[in-house]
Structures are given as C-alpha cells and as structure tokens.
Amino acid sequence: MKNFADNIKDLFNKKLLLYRDLEQIIRQEREYIAESNIDSLWEISLSKQELVSKIEQIRHNILTILSKASIVHDMDVSSFSLNKIFSLMPAELGEKTKSFRIPLIAIKDKIYNLSGENKEFVEKYLETINELVEIISNAGNPEYVYNCSRYFKENSKTSLKTSLLLSKEI
C-alpha cells in the first residue's frame, strides 16, 4: 500500500504543478488577447494543448493505479472525477492525499474562471469590431444607426441583429 500511496501522491503533485502552469499560460493568453498578438496566441494555444495532454496522461495513470489496486472506479480519462477518486480511496491513503484535494479543486476553479473571462473578453472585443464595421459600412447612409440610448436601432436596416459582418469563433 505504501508504494500505491506514494505513486498516487506523486501523480497528484504532478497534476497540481501542471494546473499551475496552465493557470499562468491562461493569464498570459489574456495579455496576448489584449495586445491582439495572433502569433503568440497560436503558440500559447499549442502550449495549452500540450499541458492538457499531460494532465490527461496523469488522469490515465491514476485510473490505472486504482485498477491495479482492485479499486473499481467506472471512469475513463474523459469522465475523470477528482471527488470520486478521493471517495474511493482507502482511509489510510485518503489521509495521505487529502492535502492535494483542496488545492487541486481550487486551481481548477481558478482556471475555469480565467478561461471564462478570456472568452468573455474576446466576445466583447468582437462585438466592438462588429459595431465599428457596421458604422463604417453605413458611413454613406444618412439614416441614424443609433437610438437615444446609444444602442443600435432595432428597426434599422443595418441592425446588428440582422446583419452581422463578422462571426464570433472561439
């Protein structure tokens, strides 16, 4: 059981370090998005893919170790659940690995939130670009595009709702 516990602890530690690296990459991604640095965004996207592959490999290794220890988990890499892993561990192993539970859950939540912020930032940026293109494309038209509340007119021929010039792709 000692070797089993050491292997699981080692994998949890590696997973935590990879999540920390991923958090830093996502923070850097936000800067590149703000700078519109497309080349760096492509590079960072590849780095994220590599980290995700490594995390998936660690998930696979954890599940393999559990299976070898005759612990039935009914999971694969795509349905991996950290909470379920901790609930399936024998009591003595659970005590040795519980120090990883909160940091792993916390960093995963942080990464999820940062990714959501980046996605929202990109969506707002694209909305602004769409509005600018709409204004420029309507420059020769004497009809007012905005209403009194500084929003696009709903019944305007050039309403964003009826004619989006750019599509959002994230």
Protein backbone atom coordinates (compact mmCIF):
# COMPACT_ATOMS: atom_id res chain seq x y z
CA MET A 1 0.00 0.00 0.00
CA LYS A 2 2.95 2.32 0.65
CA ASN A 3 4.10 2.20 -2.98
CA PHE A 4 0.49 2.71 -4.09
CA ALA A 5 0.17 5.76 -1.82
CA ASP A 6 3.48 7.23 -2.98
CA ASN A 7 2.53 6.79 -6.65
CA ILE A 8 -0.85 8.45 -6.18
CA LYS A 9 0.68 11.33 -4.18
CA ASP A 10 3.35 11.79 -6.84
CA LEU A 11 0.73 11.92 -9.60
CA PHE A 12 -1.44 14.39 -7.66
CA ASN A 13 1.62 16.58 -7.13
CA LYS A 14 2.49 16.48 -10.85
CA LYS A 15 -1.11 17.27 -11.73
CA LEU A 16 -1.13 20.25 -9.37
CA LEU A 17 2.08 21.59 -10.91
CA LEU A 18 0.65 21.21 -14.43
CA TYR A 19 -2.52 23.06 -13.41
CA ARG A 20 -0.37 25.89 -12.03
CA ASP A 21 1.48 26.06 -15.35
CA LEU A 22 -1.86 26.11 -17.15
CA GLU A 23 -3.07 28.95 -14.94
CA GLN A 24 0.00 31.01 -15.88
CA ILE A 25 -0.50 30.28 -19.56
CA ILE A 26 -4.12 31.39 -19.39
CA ARG A 27 -3.08 34.61 -17.67
CA GLN A 28 -0.51 35.19 -20.41
CA GLU A 29 -3.16 34.42 -23.01
CA ARG A 30 -5.25 37.32 -21.67
CA GLU A 31 -2.35 39.69 -22.27
CA TYR A 32 -1.89 38.41 -25.81
CA ILE A 33 -5.61 38.80 -26.48
CA ALA A 34 -5.49 42.40 -25.25
CA GLU A 35 -2.43 43.06 -27.45
CA SER A 36 -4.04 41.26 -30.42
CA ASN A 37 -0.81 39.27 -30.70
CA ILE A 38 -2.04 36.50 -33.00
CA ASP A 39 1.30 34.71 -33.40
CA SER A 40 1.75 34.44 -29.64
CA LEU A 41 -1.85 33.28 -29.26
CA TRP A 42 -1.15 30.40 -31.67
CA GLU A 43 1.98 29.47 -29.72
CA ILE A 44 0.20 29.63 -26.39
CA SER A 45 -2.64 27.54 -27.79
CA LEU A 46 -0.13 24.81 -28.61
CA SER A 47 1.32 25.07 -25.10
CA LYS A 48 -2.15 24.68 -23.61
CA GLN A 49 -2.78 21.60 -25.76
CA GLU A 50 0.48 20.04 -24.55
CA LEU A 51 -0.39 20.69 -20.91
CA VAL A 52 -3.88 19.28 -21.34
CA SER A 53 -2.38 16.14 -22.91
CA LYS A 54 -0.04 15.76 -19.94
CA ILE A 55 -2.93 16.22 -17.49
CA GLU A 56 -4.94 13.59 -19.35
CA GLN A 57 -1.98 11.22 -19.19
CA ILE A 58 -1.80 11.71 -15.43
CA ARG A 59 -5.53 11.00 -15.17
CA HIS A 60 -4.97 7.81 -17.13
CA ASN A 61 -2.09 6.83 -14.82
CA ILE A 62 -4.20 7.46 -11.70
CA LEU A 63 -7.01 5.32 -13.08
CA THR A 64 -4.54 2.57 -13.99
CA ILE A 65 -3.08 2.56 -10.48
CA LEU A 66 -6.58 2.36 -8.98
CA SER A 67 -7.48 -0.53 -11.28
CA LYS A 68 -4.28 -2.41 -10.39
CA ALA A 69 -5.19 -1.96 -6.71
CA SER A 70 -8.59 -3.56 -7.47
CA ILE A 71 -10.45 -0.32 -6.80
CA VAL A 72 -13.49 -0.21 -9.07
CA HIS A 73 -13.95 3.33 -10.38
CA ASP A 74 -16.03 3.07 -13.60
CA MET A 75 -14.23 6.08 -15.11
CA ASP A 76 -12.12 6.85 -18.10
CA VAL A 77 -10.00 9.91 -18.84
CA SER A 78 -12.95 11.94 -20.16
CA SER A 79 -15.20 11.14 -17.19
CA PHE A 80 -12.46 11.54 -14.58
CA SER A 81 -13.79 12.97 -11.30
CA LEU A 82 -11.43 14.10 -8.60
CA ASN A 83 -14.16 13.93 -5.96
CA LYS A 84 -14.96 10.35 -6.92
CA ILE A 85 -11.27 9.42 -6.82
CA PHE A 86 -10.96 10.75 -3.28
CA SER A 87 -14.15 9.00 -2.18
CA LEU A 88 -12.90 5.64 -3.49
CA MET A 89 -9.53 5.71 -1.78
CA PRO A 90 -8.91 3.57 1.29
CA ALA A 91 -8.97 5.57 4.54
CA GLU A 92 -5.21 5.42 5.17
CA LEU A 93 -4.48 6.61 1.65
CA GLY A 94 -7.14 9.29 1.86
CA GLU A 95 -5.34 10.79 4.85
CA LYS A 96 -2.05 10.87 2.93
CA THR A 97 -3.54 12.51 -0.15
CA LYS A 98 -6.16 14.86 1.31
CA SER A 99 -3.64 17.72 1.31
CA PHE A 100 -3.98 17.75 -2.51
CA ARG A 101 -7.77 17.82 -2.63
CA ILE A 102 -8.45 21.48 -1.84
CA PRO A 103 -5.53 22.92 -3.86
CA LEU A 104 -6.48 20.83 -6.92
CA ILE A 105 -10.13 21.83 -6.75
CA ALA A 106 -9.24 25.48 -6.12
CA ILE A 107 -6.82 25.74 -9.03
CA LYS A 108 -9.27 24.01 -11.38
CA ASP A 109 -11.94 26.55 -10.39
CA LYS A 110 -9.48 29.40 -10.90
CA ILE A 111 -8.55 28.11 -14.37
CA TYR A 112 -12.21 27.72 -15.29
CA ASN A 113 -12.94 31.31 -14.22
CA LEU A 114 -9.90 32.72 -16.03
CA SER A 115 -10.85 30.88 -19.21
CA GLY A 116 -14.38 32.25 -18.93
CA GLU A 117 -13.04 35.78 -18.52
CA ASN A 118 -10.84 35.37 -21.59
CA LYS A 119 -13.77 34.08 -23.62
CA GLU A 120 -15.97 36.97 -22.48
CA PHE A 121 -13.20 39.44 -23.31
CA VAL A 122 -12.89 38.04 -26.83
CA GLU A 123 -16.66 38.14 -27.33
CA LYS A 124 -16.86 41.79 -26.24
CA TYR A 125 -13.90 42.63 -28.45
CA LEU A 126 -15.60 41.02 -31.45
CA GLU A 127 -18.84 42.85 -30.67
CA THR A 128 -16.93 46.12 -30.73
CA ILE A 129 -15.30 45.22 -34.03
CA ASN A 130 -18.72 44.29 -35.45
CA GLU A 131 -20.14 47.63 -34.37
CA LEU A 132 -17.21 49.52 -35.87
CA VAL A 133 -17.52 47.69 -39.18
CA GLU A 134 -21.27 48.34 -39.14
CA ILE A 135 -20.68 52.06 -38.58
CA ILE A 136 -18.04 52.24 -41.29
CA SER A 137 -20.16 50.31 -43.77
CA ASN A 138 -23.09 52.65 -43.07
CA ALA A 139 -20.99 55.84 -43.36
CA GLY A 140 -22.65 56.98 -46.61
CA ASN A 141 -26.17 56.30 -45.35
CA PRO A 142 -27.84 59.38 -43.82
CA GLU A 143 -30.09 57.22 -41.61
CA TYR A 144 -29.04 57.27 -37.96
CA VAL A 145 -27.77 53.95 -36.75
CA TYR A 146 -28.02 54.64 -33.01
CA ASN A 147 -31.07 55.35 -30.89
CA CYS A 148 -31.19 57.84 -27.99
CA SER A 149 -29.73 55.27 -25.60
CA ARG A 150 -26.58 54.94 -27.73
CA TYR A 151 -27.51 51.44 -28.91
CA PHE A 152 -28.11 50.26 -32.43
CA LYS A 153 -31.66 50.94 -33.58
CA GLU A 154 -33.72 47.75 -33.60
CA ASN A 155 -35.60 48.70 -36.76
CA SER A 156 -32.55 49.99 -38.61
CA LYS A 157 -31.67 48.36 -41.92
CA THR A 158 -28.15 47.95 -40.56
CA SER A 159 -29.11 46.41 -37.25
CA LEU A 160 -26.51 44.03 -35.87
CA LYS A 161 -29.22 41.51 -35.23
CA THR A 162 -29.98 41.18 -38.93
CA SER A 163 -26.59 41.70 -40.50
CA LEU A 164 -23.53 40.58 -38.59
CA LEU A 165 -20.49 41.13 -40.73
CA LEU A 166 -18.09 39.18 -38.59
CA SER A 167 -18.76 35.89 -36.91
CA LYS A 168 -17.59 35.00 -33.44
CA GLU A 169 -15.46 31.93 -33.23
CA ILE A 170 -13.84 30.88 -30.00
